[in-house]
PDB file of N, CA and C in Angstrom:
ATOM      1  N   MET A   1      63.003   1.527  25.852  1.00  0.00           N
ATOM      2  CA  MET A   1      62.663   1.647  26.895  1.00  0.00           C
ATOM      3  C   MET A   1      63.149   3.265  27.385  1.00  0.00           C
ATOM      4  N   ASN A   2      64.002   3.789  26.705  1.00  0.00           N
ATOM      5  CA  ASN A   2      64.370   5.142  27.358  1.00  0.00           C
ATOM      6  C   ASN A   2      63.064   6.199  26.958  1.00  0.00           C
ATOM      7  N   LYS A   3      62.482   6.064  25.980  1.00  0.00           N
ATOM      8  CA  LYS A   3      61.666   6.226  25.513  1.00  0.00           C
ATOM      9  C   LYS A   3      60.081   6.673  26.220  1.00  0.00           C
ATOM     10  N   LEU A   4      60.098   5.742  26.690  1.00  0.00           N
ATOM     11  CA  LEU A   4      59.263   5.637  27.803  1.00  0.00           C
ATOM     12  C   LEU A   4      59.396   6.409  29.137  1.00  0.00           C
ATOM     13  N   ARG A   5      60.881   6.396  29.137  1.00  0.00           N
ATOM     14  CA  ARG A   5      61.201   6.895  30.584  1.00  0.00           C
ATOM     15  C   ARG A   5      60.948   8.270  30.111  1.00  0.00           C
ATOM     16  N   ARG A   6      61.149   8.493  28.931  1.00  0.00           N
ATOM     17  CA  ARG A   6      60.889  10.483  28.963  1.00  0.00           C
ATOM     18  C   ARG A   6      59.694  10.718  28.741  1.00  0.00           C
ATOM     19  N   ILE A   7      58.556   9.897  27.996  1.00  0.00           N
ATOM     20  CA  ILE A   7      57.446  10.482  28.118  1.00  0.00           C
ATOM     21  C   ILE A   7      57.040  10.225  29.899  1.00  0.00           C
ATOM     22  N   ALA A   8      56.987   9.494  30.735  1.00  0.00           N
ATOM     23  CA  ALA A   8      56.910   9.474  31.818  1.00  0.00           C
ATOM     24  C   ALA A   8      57.336  10.830  32.969  1.00  0.00           C
ATOM     25  N   LEU A   9      58.576  11.175  32.542  1.00  0.00           N
ATOM     26  CA  LEU A   9      59.033  12.303  33.016  1.00  0.00           C
ATOM     27  C   LEU A   9      58.351  13.172  32.616  1.00  0.00           C
ATOM     28  N   SER A  10      58.188  13.527  31.026  1.00  0.00           N
ATOM     29  CA  SER A  10      57.420  14.695  30.455  1.00  0.00           C
ATOM     30  C   SER A  10      55.702  14.778  31.431  1.00  0.00           C
ATOM     31  N   VAL A  11      55.525  13.578  31.719  1.00  0.00           N
ATOM     32  CA  VAL A  11      53.972  13.478  32.235  1.00  0.00           C
ATOM     33  C   VAL A  11      54.298  14.219  34.039  1.00  0.00           C
ATOM     34  N   LEU A  12      54.988  13.467  34.747  1.00  0.00           N
ATOM     35  CA  LEU A  12      55.186  13.869  35.827  1.00  0.00           C
ATOM     36  C   LEU A  12      55.562  15.572  36.057  1.00  0.00           C
ATOM     37  N   GLN A  13      56.790  15.840  34.931  1.00  0.00           N
ATOM     38  CA  GLN A  13      56.681  17.138  34.820  1.00  0.00           C
ATOM     39  C   GLN A  13      55.252  18.234  34.449  1.00  0.00           C
ATOM     40  N   ILE A  14      54.803  17.906  33.944  1.00  0.00           N
ATOM     41  CA  ILE A  14      53.675  18.508  33.414  1.00  0.00           C
ATOM     42  C   ILE A  14      52.337  18.412  34.741  1.00  0.00           C
ATOM     43  N   THR A  15      52.897  17.509  35.104  1.00  0.00           N
ATOM     44  CA  THR A  15      51.515  17.367  36.354  1.00  0.00           C
ATOM     45  C   THR A  15      52.806  18.369  37.505  1.00  0.00           C
ATOM     46  N   LEU A  16      53.421  18.729  37.923  1.00  0.00           N
ATOM     47  CA  LEU A  16      53.699  19.281  38.592  1.00  0.00           C
ATOM     48  C   LEU A  16      53.483  20.382  38.416  1.00  0.00           C
ATOM     49  N   LEU A  17      53.681  21.072  36.942  1.00  0.00           N
ATOM     50  CA  LEU A  17      53.082  22.756  36.780  1.00  0.00           C
ATOM     51  C   LEU A  17      51.670  22.795  36.924  1.00  0.00           C
ATOM     52  N   PHE A  18      50.814  21.557  36.687  1.00  0.00           N
ATOM     53  CA  PHE A  18      49.244  21.939  35.925  1.00  0.00           C
ATOM     54  C   PHE A  18      49.318  22.075  38.302  1.00  0.00           C
ATOM     55  N   PHE A  19      49.773  21.073  39.102  1.00  0.00           N
ATOM     56  CA  PHE A  19      49.866  21.538  40.456  1.00  0.00           C
ATOM     57  C   PHE A  19      49.696  22.838  40.738  1.00  0.00           C
ATOM     58  N   ILE A  20      50.976  23.388  40.398  1.00  0.00           N
ATOM     59  CA  ILE A  20      51.353  24.872  40.708  1.00  0.00           C
ATOM     60  C   ILE A  20      50.562  25.838  40.202  1.00  0.00           C
ATOM     61  N   SER A  21      49.966  25.413  39.170  1.00  0.00           N
ATOM     62  CA  SER A  21      48.852  26.493  38.464  1.00  0.00           C
ATOM     63  C   SER A  21      47.667  26.513  39.270  1.00  0.00           C
ATOM     64  N   MET A  22      47.287  25.205  39.696  1.00  0.00           N
ATOM     65  CA  MET A  22      45.584  24.859  40.079  1.00  0.00           C
ATOM     66  C   MET A  22      45.606  25.167  41.434  1.00  0.00           C
ATOM     67  N   VAL A  23      47.123  25.590  42.677  1.00  0.00           N
ATOM     68  CA  VAL A  23      46.908  25.932  43.577  1.00  0.00           C
ATOM     69  C   VAL A  23      47.249  27.167  43.438  1.00  0.00           C
ATOM     70  N   MET A  24      47.823  27.424  42.386  1.00  0.00           N
ATOM     71  CA  MET A  24      47.622  29.342  42.567  1.00  0.00           C
ATOM     72  C   MET A  24      46.374  29.935  42.212  1.00  0.00           C
ATOM     73  N   ASN A  25      45.937  29.211  41.201  1.00  0.00           N
ATOM     74  CA  ASN A  25      44.071  29.522  40.959  1.00  0.00           C
ATOM     75  C   ASN A  25      43.530  29.909  42.248  1.00  0.00           C
ATOM     76  N   GLN A  26      43.980  28.379  42.847  1.00  0.00           N
ATOM     77  CA  GLN A  26      42.956  28.530  44.197  1.00  0.00           C
ATOM     78  C   GLN A  26      43.265  29.656  45.006  1.00  0.00           C
ATOM     79  N   LEU A  27      44.672  29.611  45.199  1.00  0.00           N
ATOM     80  CA  LEU A  27      45.171  30.781  46.069  1.00  0.00           C
ATOM     81  C   LEU A  27      44.369  32.534  45.608  1.00  0.00           C
ATOM     82  N   ALA A  28      44.704  32.726  44.637  1.00  0.00           N
ATOM     83  CA  ALA A  28      44.197  34.030  43.878  1.00  0.00           C
ATOM     84  C   ALA A  28      42.721  34.070  43.973  1.00  0.00           C
ATOM     85  N   GLY A  29      41.758  33.016  43.621  1.00  0.00           N
ATOM     86  CA  GLY A  29      40.497  33.293  44.231  1.00  0.00           C
ATOM     87  C   GLY A  29      40.209  33.352  45.700  1.00  0.00           C
ATOM     88  N   MET A  30      40.972  32.572  46.968  1.00  0.00           N
ATOM     89  CA  MET A  30      40.475  32.865  47.982  1.00  0.00           C
ATOM     90  C   MET A  30      40.793  34.537  48.231  1.00  0.00           C
ATOM     91  N   LEU A  31      42.359  34.814  47.714  1.00  0.00           N
ATOM     92  CA  LEU A  31      42.281  35.973  48.455  1.00  0.00           C
ATOM     93  C   LEU A  31      41.900  37.450  47.501  1.00  0.00           C
ATOM     94  N   HIS A  32      40.965  36.961  46.638  1.00  0.00           N
ATOM     95  CA  HIS A  32      40.263  37.837  45.600  1.00  0.00           C
ATOM     96  C   HIS A  32      41.445  38.925  45.048  1.00  0.00           C
ATOM     97  N   LEU A  33      42.439  37.848  44.588  1.00  0.00           N
ATOM     98  CA  LEU A  33      43.415  38.818  43.785  1.00  0.00           C
ATOM     99  C   LEU A  33      43.104  39.477  42.352  1.00  0.00           C
ATOM    100  N   PRO A  34      43.339  40.181  41.527  1.00  0.00           N
ATOM    101  CA  PRO A  34      42.984  40.853  40.461  1.00  0.00           C
ATOM    102  C   PRO A  34      43.923  40.073  39.655  1.00  0.00           C
ATOM    103  N   ILE A  35      45.137  39.093  39.993  1.00  0.00           N
ATOM    104  CA  ILE A  35      46.020  38.684  39.093  1.00  0.00           C
ATOM    105  C   ILE A  35      45.131  37.136  38.905  1.00  0.00           C
ATOM    106  N   PRO A  36      45.424  36.790  37.745  1.00  0.00           N
ATOM    107  CA  PRO A  36      44.657  35.241  37.421  1.00  0.00           C
ATOM    108  C   PRO A  36      46.268  34.544  37.651  1.00  0.00           C
ATOM    109  N   GLY A  37      45.447  32.969  38.485  1.00  0.00           N
ATOM    110  CA  GLY A  37      46.371  32.293  39.171  1.00  0.00           C
ATOM    111  C   GLY A  37      47.372  31.949  38.507  1.00  0.00           C
ATOM    112  N   SER A  38      47.044  31.387  37.102  1.00  0.00           N
ATOM    113  CA  SER A  38      48.163  31.244  36.275  1.00  0.00           C
ATOM    114  C   SER A  38      49.256  32.199  36.160  1.00  0.00           C
ATOM    115  N   ILE A  39      49.244  33.354  36.112  1.00  0.00           N
ATOM    116  CA  ILE A  39      50.530  34.494  36.033  1.00  0.00           C
ATOM    117  C   ILE A  39      50.613  34.457  37.595  1.00  0.00           C
ATOM    118  N   LEU A  40      50.175  34.082  38.291  1.00  0.00           N
ATOM    119  CA  LEU A  40      50.921  33.626  39.707  1.00  0.00           C
ATOM    120  C   LEU A  40      51.440  32.724  39.905  1.00  0.00           C
ATOM    121  N   GLY A  41      51.592  31.646  39.392  1.00  0.00           N
ATOM    122  CA  GLY A  41      52.047  30.193  38.932  1.00  0.00           C
ATOM    123  C   GLY A  41      53.194  30.495  38.155  1.00  0.00           C
ATOM    124  N   ILE A  42      53.148  31.034  37.029  1.00  0.00           N
ATOM    125  CA  ILE A  42      54.398  31.603  36.067  1.00  0.00           C
ATOM    126  C   ILE A  42      55.012  32.193  37.735  1.00  0.00           C
ATOM    127  N   ILE A  43      55.025  33.561  37.896  1.00  0.00           N
ATOM    128  CA  ILE A  43      55.758  34.299  39.064  1.00  0.00           C
ATOM    129  C   ILE A  43      56.330  33.173  40.067  1.00  0.00           C
ATOM    130  N   VAL A  44      55.414  32.214  40.620  1.00  0.00           N
ATOM    131  CA  VAL A  44      56.125  31.456  41.462  1.00  0.00           C
ATOM    132  C   VAL A  44      57.235  30.588  40.907  1.00  0.00           C
ATOM    133  N   ILE A  45      56.859  29.751  40.142  1.00  0.00           N
ATOM    134  CA  ILE A  45      58.029  28.945  39.495  1.00  0.00           C
ATOM    135  C   ILE A  45      59.389  30.008  38.977  1.00  0.00           C
ATOM    136  N   PHE A  46      58.912  31.065  38.601  1.00  0.00           N
ATOM    137  CA  PHE A  46      59.952  31.772  37.768  1.00  0.00           C
ATOM    138  C   PHE A  46      61.006  31.892  39.433  1.00  0.00           C
ATOM    139  N   ALA A  47      60.592  32.842  40.901  1.00  0.00           N
ATOM    140  CA  ALA A  47      60.973  33.074  41.704  1.00  0.00           C
ATOM    141  C   ALA A  47      61.535  31.494  42.548  1.00  0.00           C
ATOM    142  N   LEU A  48      60.676  30.292  42.234  1.00  0.00           N
ATOM    143  CA  LEU A  48      61.346  29.160  42.679  1.00  0.00           C
ATOM    144  C   LEU A  48      62.580  29.036  41.810  1.00  0.00           C
ATOM    145  N   LEU A  49      62.879  29.268  40.487  1.00  0.00           N
ATOM    146  CA  LEU A  49      64.360  28.916  39.722  1.00  0.00           C
ATOM    147  C   LEU A  49      65.383  29.492  39.752  1.00  0.00           C
ATOM    148  N   LYS A  50      64.990  30.997  39.945  1.00  0.00           N
ATOM    149  CA  LYS A  50      66.159  31.820  40.503  1.00  0.00           C
ATOM    150  C   LYS A  50      66.506  31.862  42.106  1.00  0.00           C
ATOM    151  N   LEU A  51      65.818  30.980  42.904  1.00  0.00           N
ATOM    152  CA  LEU A  51      66.303  31.140  44.021  1.00  0.00           C
ATOM    153  C   LEU A  51      66.807  29.494  44.127  1.00  0.00           C
ATOM    154  N   ASN A  52      67.156  28.952  43.149  1.00  0.00           N
ATOM    155  CA  ASN A  52      67.321  27.234  43.549  1.00  0.00           C
ATOM    156  C   ASN A  52      66.512  26.543  44.141  1.00  0.00           C
ATOM    157  N   VAL A  53      65.396  26.815  44.235  1.00  0.00           N
ATOM    158  CA  VAL A  53      64.256  25.547  44.904  1.00  0.00           C
ATOM    159  C   VAL A  53      63.838  24.739  43.768  1.00  0.00           C
ATOM    160  N   ILE A  54      63.485  24.800  43.197  1.00  0.00           N
ATOM    161  CA  ILE A  54      63.825  24.010  42.016  1.00  0.00           C
ATOM    162  C   ILE A  54      64.653  23.977  41.082  1.00  0.00           C
ATOM    163  N   LYS A  55      65.409  23.145  40.154  1.00  0.00           N
ATOM    164  CA  LYS A  55      66.040  23.236  39.069  1.00  0.00           C
ATOM    165  C   LYS A  55      64.981  22.985  38.049  1.00  0.00           C
ATOM    166  N   LEU A  56      65.899  23.706  36.775  1.00  0.00           N
ATOM    167  CA  LEU A  56      65.344  24.126  35.456  1.00  0.00           C
ATOM    168  C   LEU A  56      65.330  22.617  34.894  1.00  0.00           C
ATOM    169  N   THR A  57      66.137  21.565  35.034  1.00  0.00           N
ATOM    170  CA  THR A  57      65.806  20.183  34.492  1.00  0.00           C
ATOM    171  C   THR A  57      64.487  19.371  34.906  1.00  0.00           C
ATOM    172  N   TRP A  58      64.143  19.768  36.198  1.00  0.00           N
ATOM    173  CA  TRP A  58      62.640  19.194  36.916  1.00  0.00           C
ATOM    174  C   TRP A  58      61.837  19.772  36.126  1.00  0.00           C
ATOM    175  N   ILE A  59      61.822  20.879  35.482  1.00  0.00           N
ATOM    176  CA  ILE A  59      60.299  20.513  34.421  1.00  0.00           C
ATOM    177  C   ILE A  59      60.741  21.310  32.866  1.00  0.00           C
ATOM    178  N   GLU A  60      61.905  21.266  32.758  1.00  0.00           N
ATOM    179  CA  GLU A  60      62.413  21.215  31.280  1.00  0.00           C
ATOM    180  C   GLU A  60      61.453  20.871  30.034  1.00  0.00           C
ATOM    181  N   GLN A  61      61.550  19.355  30.396  1.00  0.00           N
ATOM    182  CA  GLN A  61      61.226  18.916  29.409  1.00  0.00           C
ATOM    183  C   GLN A  61      59.592  18.755  29.368  1.00  0.00           C
ATOM    184  N   GLY A  62      58.832  19.169  30.398  1.00  0.00           N
ATOM    185  CA  GLY A  62      57.555  18.997  30.523  1.00  0.00           C
ATOM    186  C   GLY A  62      57.177  20.675  29.832  1.00  0.00           C
ATOM    187  N   ALA A  63      57.783  21.529  30.048  1.00  0.00           N
ATOM    188  CA  ALA A  63      57.591  23.043  29.845  1.00  0.00           C
ATOM    189  C   ALA A  63      57.963  22.815  28.212  1.00  0.00           C
ATOM    190  N   ASN A  64      58.744  22.355  27.867  1.00  0.00           N
ATOM    191  CA  ASN A  64      58.823  22.304  25.980  1.00  0.00           C
ATOM    192  C   ASN A  64      57.646  21.809  25.543  1.00  0.00           C
ATOM    193  N   LEU A  65      57.589  20.256  26.205  1.00  0.00           N
ATOM    194  CA  LEU A  65      56.476  19.785  25.727  1.00  0.00           C
ATOM    195  C   LEU A  65      55.412  20.948  25.387  1.00  0.00           C
ATOM    196  N   LEU A  66      54.616  21.187  26.379  1.00  0.00           N
ATOM    197  CA  LEU A  66      53.418  22.668  26.448  1.00  0.00           C
ATOM    198  C   LEU A  66      54.026  23.411  25.322  1.00  0.00           C
ATOM    199  N   LEU A  67      54.991  23.779  25.536  1.00  0.00           N
ATOM    200  CA  LEU A  67      55.299  25.462  24.431  1.00  0.00           C
ATOM    201  C   LEU A  67      55.601  24.420  23.167  1.00  0.00           C
ATOM    202  N   ALA A  68      55.587  23.609  22.969  1.00  0.00           N
ATOM    203  CA  ALA A  68      55.502  22.752  21.592  1.00  0.00           C
ATOM    204  C   ALA A  68      53.745  22.594  20.811  1.00  0.00           C
ATOM    205  N   GLU A  69      53.379  22.427  21.900  1.00  0.00           N
ATOM    206  CA  GLU A  69      51.903  22.157  21.394  1.00  0.00           C
ATOM    207  C   GLU A  69      50.815  23.385  22.092  1.00  0.00           C
ATOM    208  N   LEU A  70      51.483  24.498  22.210  1.00  0.00           N
ATOM    209  CA  LEU A  70      50.696  25.895  22.208  1.00  0.00           C
ATOM    210  C   LEU A  70      49.517  26.178  21.912  1.00  0.00           C
ATOM    211  N   LEU A  71      49.907  25.961  20.290  1.00  0.00           N
ATOM    212  CA  LEU A  71      48.878  26.040  19.277  1.00  0.00           C
ATOM    213  C   LEU A  71      47.254  25.259  19.860  1.00  0.00           C
ATOM    214  N   LEU A  72      47.173  24.655  20.394  1.00  0.00           N
ATOM    215  CA  LEU A  72      45.946  23.493  20.700  1.00  0.00           C
ATOM    216  C   LEU A  72      45.734  24.355  21.801  1.00  0.00           C
ATOM    217  N   PHE A  73      45.805  24.749  22.476  1.00  0.00           N
ATOM    218  CA  PHE A  73      45.534  25.910  23.881  1.00  0.00           C
ATOM    219  C   PHE A  73      45.030  26.863  23.288  1.00  0.00           C
ATOM    220  N   PHE A  74      45.052  27.353  22.039  1.00  0.00           N
ATOM    221  CA  PHE A  74      44.471  28.902  21.652  1.00  0.00           C
ATOM    222  C   PHE A  74      42.833  28.231  20.959  1.00  0.00           C
ATOM    223  N   ILE A  75      42.602  27.075  20.584  1.00  0.00           N
ATOM    224  CA  ILE A  75      41.368  26.450  19.646  1.00  0.00           C
ATOM    225  C   ILE A  75      40.266  26.980  20.750  1.00  0.00           C
ATOM    226  N   PRO A  76      40.233  26.269  21.732  1.00  0.00           N
ATOM    227  CA  PRO A  76      38.675  26.728  22.709  1.00  0.00           C
ATOM    228  C   PRO A  76      39.086  28.000  22.597  1.00  0.00           C
ATOM    229  N   SER A  77      39.458  29.177  22.876  1.00  0.00           N
ATOM    230  CA  SER A  77      39.174  30.877  22.924  1.00  0.00           C
ATOM    231  C   SER A  77      39.023  30.839  21.389  1.00  0.00           C
ATOM    232  N   ALA A  78      39.199  30.412  20.381  1.00  0.00           N
ATOM    233  CA  ALA A  78      38.851  30.769  19.028  1.00  0.00           C
ATOM    234  C   ALA A  78      37.612  30.344  18.577  1.00  0.00           C
ATOM    235  N   VAL A  79      37.375  29.099  19.169  1.00  0.00           N
ATOM    236  CA  VAL A  79      35.794  28.971  18.867  1.00  0.00           C
ATOM    237  C   VAL A  79      35.136  29.912  19.835  1.00  0.00           C
ATOM    238  N   GLY A  80      35.519  29.924  20.648  1.00  0.00           N
ATOM    239  CA  GLY A  80      34.293  30.966  21.377  1.00  0.00           C
ATOM    240  C   GLY A  80      34.001  31.978  21.372  1.00  0.00           C
ATOM    241  N   ILE A  81      34.988  32.763  20.619  1.00  0.00           N
ATOM    242  CA  ILE A  81      34.962  34.320  19.811  1.00  0.00           C
ATOM    243  C   ILE A  81      33.565  34.649  19.074  1.00  0.00           C
ATOM    244  N   MET A  82      33.327  33.232  18.437  1.00  0.00           N
ATOM    245  CA  MET A  82      32.401  32.900  17.636  1.00  0.00           C
ATOM    246  C   MET A  82      30.872  33.668  18.386  1.00  0.00           C
ATOM    247  N   LYS A  83      31.014  33.320  19.777  1.00  0.00           N
ATOM    248  CA  LYS A  83      29.402  33.703  20.687  1.00  0.00           C
ATOM    249  C   LYS A  83      29.342  35.177  20.125  1.00  0.00           C
ATOM    250  N   TYR A  84      30.568  35.748  20.112  1.00  0.00           N
ATOM    251  CA  TYR A  84      30.319  37.778  20.231  1.00  0.00           C
ATOM    252  C   TYR A  84      30.351  38.144  18.649  1.00  0.00           C
ATOM    253  N   ILE A  85      29.916  37.560  17.996  1.00  0.00           N
ATOM    254  CA  ILE A  85      29.774  38.351  16.561  1.00  0.00           C
ATOM    255  C   ILE A  85      29.012  39.608  16.499  1.00  0.00           C
ATOM    256  N   PRO A  86      28.074  40.045  17.637  1.00  0.00           N
ATOM    257  CA  PRO A  86      27.713  41.304  17.342  1.00  0.00           C
ATOM    258  C   PRO A  86      28.793  42.170  18.142  1.00  0.00           C
ATOM    259  N   LEU A  87      29.669  41.732  19.194  1.00  0.00           N
ATOM    260  CA  LEU A  87      30.852  42.592  19.713  1.00  0.00           C
ATOM    261  C   LEU A  87      31.647  43.124  18.345  1.00  0.00           C
ATOM    262  N   LEU A  88      32.234  42.025  18.215  1.00  0.00           N
ATOM    263  CA  LEU A  88      32.837  42.247  16.556  1.00  0.00           C
ATOM    264  C   LEU A  88      32.849  42.941  15.848  1.00  0.00           C
ATOM    265  N   GLU A  89      31.218  43.032  15.183  1.00  0.00           N
ATOM    266  CA  GLU A  89      30.264  44.175  14.184  1.00  0.00           C
ATOM    267  C   GLU A  89      30.828  45.483  15.065  1.00  0.00           C
ATOM    268  N   SER A  90      30.474  45.746  15.849  1.00  0.00           N
ATOM    269  CA  SER A  90      30.748  47.260  16.635  1.00  0.00           C
ATOM    270  C   SER A  90      31.879  47.591  16.930  1.00  0.00           C
ATOM    271  N   ASP A  91      32.286  46.462  17.929  1.00  0.00           N
ATOM    272  CA  ASP A  91      34.005  47.346  18.091  1.00  0.00           C
ATOM    273  C   ASP A  91      35.105  46.495  17.392  1.00  0.00           C
ATOM    274  N   GLY A  92      34.668  45.767  16.468  1.00  0.00           N
ATOM    275  CA  GLY A  92      36.034  44.912  15.990  1.00  0.00           C
ATOM    276  C   GLY A  92      37.191  45.822  15.108  1.00  0.00           C
ATOM    277  N   VAL A  93      36.922  46.696  14.788  1.00  0.00           N
ATOM    278  CA  VAL A  93      38.410  47.704  14.923  1.00  0.00           C
ATOM    279  C   VAL A  93      39.140  47.694  15.750  1.00  0.00           C
ATOM    280  N   ARG A  94      38.681  48.564  16.760  1.00  0.00           N
ATOM    281  CA  ARG A  94      39.023  48.708  18.038  1.00  0.00           C
ATOM    282  C   ARG A  94      39.793  47.547  18.513  1.00  0.00           C
ATOM    283  N   ILE A  95      38.977  46.650  18.488  1.00  0.00           N
ATOM    284  CA  ILE A  95      39.314  45.022  18.962  1.00  0.00           C
ATOM    285  C   ILE A  95      40.696  44.727  18.460  1.00  0.00           C
ATOM    286  N   LEU A  96      40.831  44.902  17.550  1.00  0.00           N
ATOM    287  CA  LEU A  96      41.726  44.213  16.201  1.00  0.00           C
ATOM    288  C   LEU A  96      42.956  45.114  16.453  1.00  0.00           C
ATOM    289  N   ILE A  97      42.881  47.039  16.456  1.00  0.00           N
ATOM    290  CA  ILE A  97      44.035  47.469  17.002  1.00  0.00           C
ATOM    291  C   ILE A  97      44.902  46.763  18.304  1.00  0.00           C
ATOM    292  N   VAL A  98      44.064  46.548  19.255  1.00  0.00           N
ATOM    293  CA  VAL A  98      44.413  46.495  20.668  1.00  0.00           C
ATOM    294  C   VAL A  98      45.063  44.829  20.458  1.00  0.00           C
ATOM    295  N   VAL A  99      44.721  43.941  19.559  1.00  0.00           N
ATOM    296  CA  VAL A  99      45.668  42.572  19.330  1.00  0.00           C
ATOM    297  C   VAL A  99      46.335  42.807  18.468  1.00  0.00           C
ATOM    298  N   ILE A 100      46.526  43.316  17.617  1.00  0.00           N
ATOM    299  CA  ILE A 100      47.763  43.800  16.785  1.00  0.00           C
ATOM    300  C   ILE A 100      48.864  44.716  17.721  1.00  0.00           C
ATOM    301  N   SER A 101      48.693  45.903  18.389  1.00  0.00           N
ATOM    302  CA  SER A 101      49.746  46.264  19.445  1.00  0.00           C
ATOM    303  C   SER A 101      49.777  45.500  20.131  1.00  0.00           C
ATOM    304  N   SER A 102      49.267  44.704  20.949  1.00  0.00           N
ATOM    305  CA  SER A 102      49.701  44.159  22.125  1.00  0.00           C
ATOM    306  C   SER A 102      50.411  42.943  21.426  1.00  0.00           C
ATOM    307  N   THR A 103      49.978  42.117  20.415  1.00  0.00           N
ATOM    308  CA  THR A 103      50.961  40.935  19.760  1.00  0.00           C
ATOM    309  C   THR A 103      51.868  41.741  19.771  1.00  0.00           C
ATOM    310  N   PHE A 104      52.449  43.079  18.524  1.00  0.00           N
ATOM    311  CA  PHE A 104      53.625  43.574  18.910  1.00  0.00           C
ATOM    312  C   PHE A 104      54.707  43.852  20.029  1.00  0.00           C
ATOM    313  N   ILE A 105      53.909  44.380  20.943  1.00  0.00           N
ATOM    314  CA  ILE A 105      54.832  44.440  22.143  1.00  0.00           C
ATOM    315  C   ILE A 105      55.459  43.403  22.960  1.00  0.00           C
ATOM    316  N   VAL A 106      54.475  42.082  22.799  1.00  0.00           N
ATOM    317  CA  VAL A 106      54.886  40.766  23.343  1.00  0.00           C
ATOM    318  C   VAL A 106      56.130  40.165  22.643  1.00  0.00           C
ATOM    319  N   MET A 107      56.072  40.437  21.127  1.00  0.00           N
ATOM    320  CA  MET A 107      56.944  40.040  20.009  1.00  0.00           C
ATOM    321  C   MET A 107      58.104  40.755  20.457  1.00  0.00           C
ATOM    322  N   LEU A 108      58.234  42.252  20.529  1.00  0.00           N
ATOM    323  CA  LEU A 108      58.924  43.137  20.904  1.00  0.00           C
ATOM    324  C   LEU A 108      60.038  42.520  22.061  1.00  0.00           C
ATOM    325  N   SER A 109      59.183  42.605  23.067  1.00  0.00           N
ATOM    326  CA  SER A 109      59.576  42.191  24.564  1.00  0.00           C
ATOM    327  C   SER A 109      60.360  40.730  24.174  1.00  0.00           C
ATOM    328  N   SER A 110      59.719  39.917  24.021  1.00  0.00           N
ATOM    329  CA  SER A 110      60.372  38.479  23.929  1.00  0.00           C
ATOM    330  C   SER A 110      61.836  38.340  23.167  1.00  0.00           C
ATOM    331  N   GLY A 111      61.572  39.103  22.165  1.00  0.00           N
ATOM    332  CA  GLY A 111      63.095  39.446  20.983  1.00  0.00           C
ATOM    333  C   GLY A 111      63.951  39.922  21.907  1.00  0.00           C
ATOM    334  N   LEU A 112      63.654  41.075  22.393  1.00  0.00           N
ATOM    335  CA  LEU A 112      64.643  41.513  23.270  1.00  0.00           C
ATOM    336  C   LEU A 112      64.921  40.916  25.088  1.00  0.00           C
ATOM    337  N   ILE A 113      64.564  40.204  24.908  1.00  0.00           N
ATOM    338  CA  ILE A 113      64.441  39.555  26.504  1.00  0.00           C
ATOM    339  C   ILE A 113      65.574  38.344  26.135  1.00  0.00           C
ATOM    340  N   ALA A 114      65.203  37.530  24.828  1.00  0.00           N
ATOM    341  CA  ALA A 114      65.766  36.232  24.190  1.00  0.00           C
ATOM    342  C   ALA A 114      67.135  36.577  24.008  1.00  0.00           C
ATOM    343  N   SER A 115      67.596  38.177  23.431  1.00  0.00           N
ATOM    344  CA  SER A 115      68.725  38.289  22.879  1.00  0.00           C
ATOM    345  C   SER A 115      69.445  38.686  23.852  1.00  0.00           C
ATOM    346  N   ARG A 116      69.011  38.920  24.896  1.00  0.00           N
ATOM    347  CA  ARG A 116      69.504  39.781  26.613  1.00  0.00           C
ATOM    348  C   ARG A 116      70.261  38.270  27.111  1.00  0.00           C
ATOM    349  N   ILE A 117      68.974  36.758  27.070  1.00  0.00           N
ATOM    350  CA  ILE A 117      69.477  35.917  27.171  1.00  0.00           C
ATOM    351  C   ILE A 117      70.816  35.202  26.722  1.00  0.00           C
ATOM    352  N   THR A 118      70.626  35.346  25.535  1.00  0.00           N
ATOM    353  CA  THR A 118      71.784  34.649  24.890  1.00  0.00           C
ATOM    354  C   THR A 118      73.205  35.227  24.960  1.00  0.00           C
ATOM    355  N   LYS A 119      73.047  36.999  24.720  1.00  0.00           N
ATOM    356  CA  LYS A 119      74.413  37.637  25.493  1.00  0.00           C
ATOM    357  C   LYS A 119      74.951  37.066  26.864  1.00  0.00           C
ATOM    358  N   ARG A 120      73.740  37.113  27.526  1.00  0.00           N
ATOM    359  CA  ARG A 120      74.545  36.861  28.958  1.00  0.00           C
ATOM    360  C   ARG A 120      74.808  35.201  28.732  1.00  0.00           C
ATOM    361  N   ARG A 121      74.192  34.458  28.456  1.00  0.00           N
ATOM    362  CA  ARG A 121      74.908  33.213  27.692  1.00  0.00           C
ATOM    363  C   ARG A 121      76.442  33.101  27.643  1.00  0.00           C
ATOM    364  N   GLU A 122      76.420  33.475  26.359  1.00  0.00           N
ATOM    365  CA  GLU A 122      77.373  33.691  25.737  1.00  0.00           C
ATOM    366  C   GLU A 122      78.543  34.456  26.338  1.00  0.00           C
ATOM    367  N   SER A 123      78.427  35.409  27.314  1.00  0.00           N
ATOM    368  CA  SER A 123      79.292  36.153  27.993  1.00  0.00           C
ATOM    369  C   SER A 123      79.826  35.358  29.260  1.00  0.00           C
ATOM    370  N   ASN A 124      78.978  34.534  29.660  1.00  0.00           N
ATOM    371  CA  ASN A 124      79.466  33.255  30.900  1.00  0.00           C
ATOM    372  C   ASN A 124      80.350  32.191  30.396  1.00  0.00           C
ATOM    373  N   ALA A 125      79.891  32.241  29.126  1.00  0.00           N
ATOM    374  CA  ALA A 125      80.686  30.707  28.445  1.00  0.00           C
ATOM    375  C   ALA A 125      81.901  31.130  28.193  1.00  0.00           C
ATOM    376  N   SER A 126      82.223  32.283  27.775  1.00  0.00           N
ATOM    377  CA  SER A 126      83.803  32.892  27.491  1.00  0.00           C
ATOM    378  C   SER A 126      84.711  32.943  28.984  1.00  0.00           C
TER     379      SER A 126
END
């Protein structure tokens, strides 16, 4: 019974995250914003968490499940690259440089943020 409850809670939390994403996609489209709705959704969720409008426990389990299966979300885009073989042949090296450097920047910034959060949690626990 406990496992069924966890699954239902995860589905509910993922539905909430999906709803916020859809609303932000619609808003970005209606306002002709240059920022994707998914990014706006992340900003809104972050703001709601910081302002204690929503609690982390309300979305944590669903978000962790989505993060655990993150690789599955990249399969369609990887298959879609096959449509752009001529582009890769002409500009592949430049694209590769951008992908590698942006990956390095994301990894570096994520590591720095994670270590900062860890230090803050350790100092709060003391």
